[in-house]
C-alpha cells in the first residue's frame, strides 16, 4: 500500500489486515493498493475466501468512489510497459517496479534462474511468463528455465518486483536450489 507515492505497509492473508499509525491529509492523499493474484485457497476453513478488495475504509468510515485498473500485461507478457518513462533515476529499492535486462548467450540448455536479494514477484524470459518467486518463503529458491525459452544471442529478462531490491541482478545456475 502506498500513500501519496510512499510505501506505508503490506496487507496479506494471514498477516497484517490494517495499517496503523498512518496520518492522512484528506485534501491531498492518494492511496494506491496493488492486489496480487496469489492463487486460491483449496483446503481448510478459508476455502470460500474471496479474492481482491471488497471494501476500503479509513478508521471506521467506508470510502466510496475509488477506482481499479489492471496492470498492462497483455496475454501474460509485459509488452506495454512504458520502458522509456520508467528509465532514469527511479527508486528500485521499493516496489512495485518492473526491471528489464538482457543477457547474451552463446549456447543454450536447461538452466535455473536465481534471484538472490529480491523480494517477491514474477519473471518473464523472452516474453514467456516463467513463474512467481518469493525469496523468503519459497518454496524453491530457483526457477526452472527449459532450453526452448532461451536462444543463442540476446535474451530478455523482465522482473516485476513487488517488494523491492537493493541490487537487481539475476543468475543462471546449472543446478536447482529447492529450499
Foldseek 3Di string as FASTA:
>chain_A
DDKPRHDQDDDDVVDDPDGPDDDDDVVDIDDDDDFDCPDADCDDDCRVPDGDDDFDADPPHTDDDDDDDDQPQVVNFNPPDPVVVQDDDDAQQFDQDKDKDKDAAQAFAKWKKAWPQAAKWWKDKQRRTQGIAGCVVGQWRITIDGRVSDDHTMMMMMTRGHGGGDDGDMDIHHDTGRD
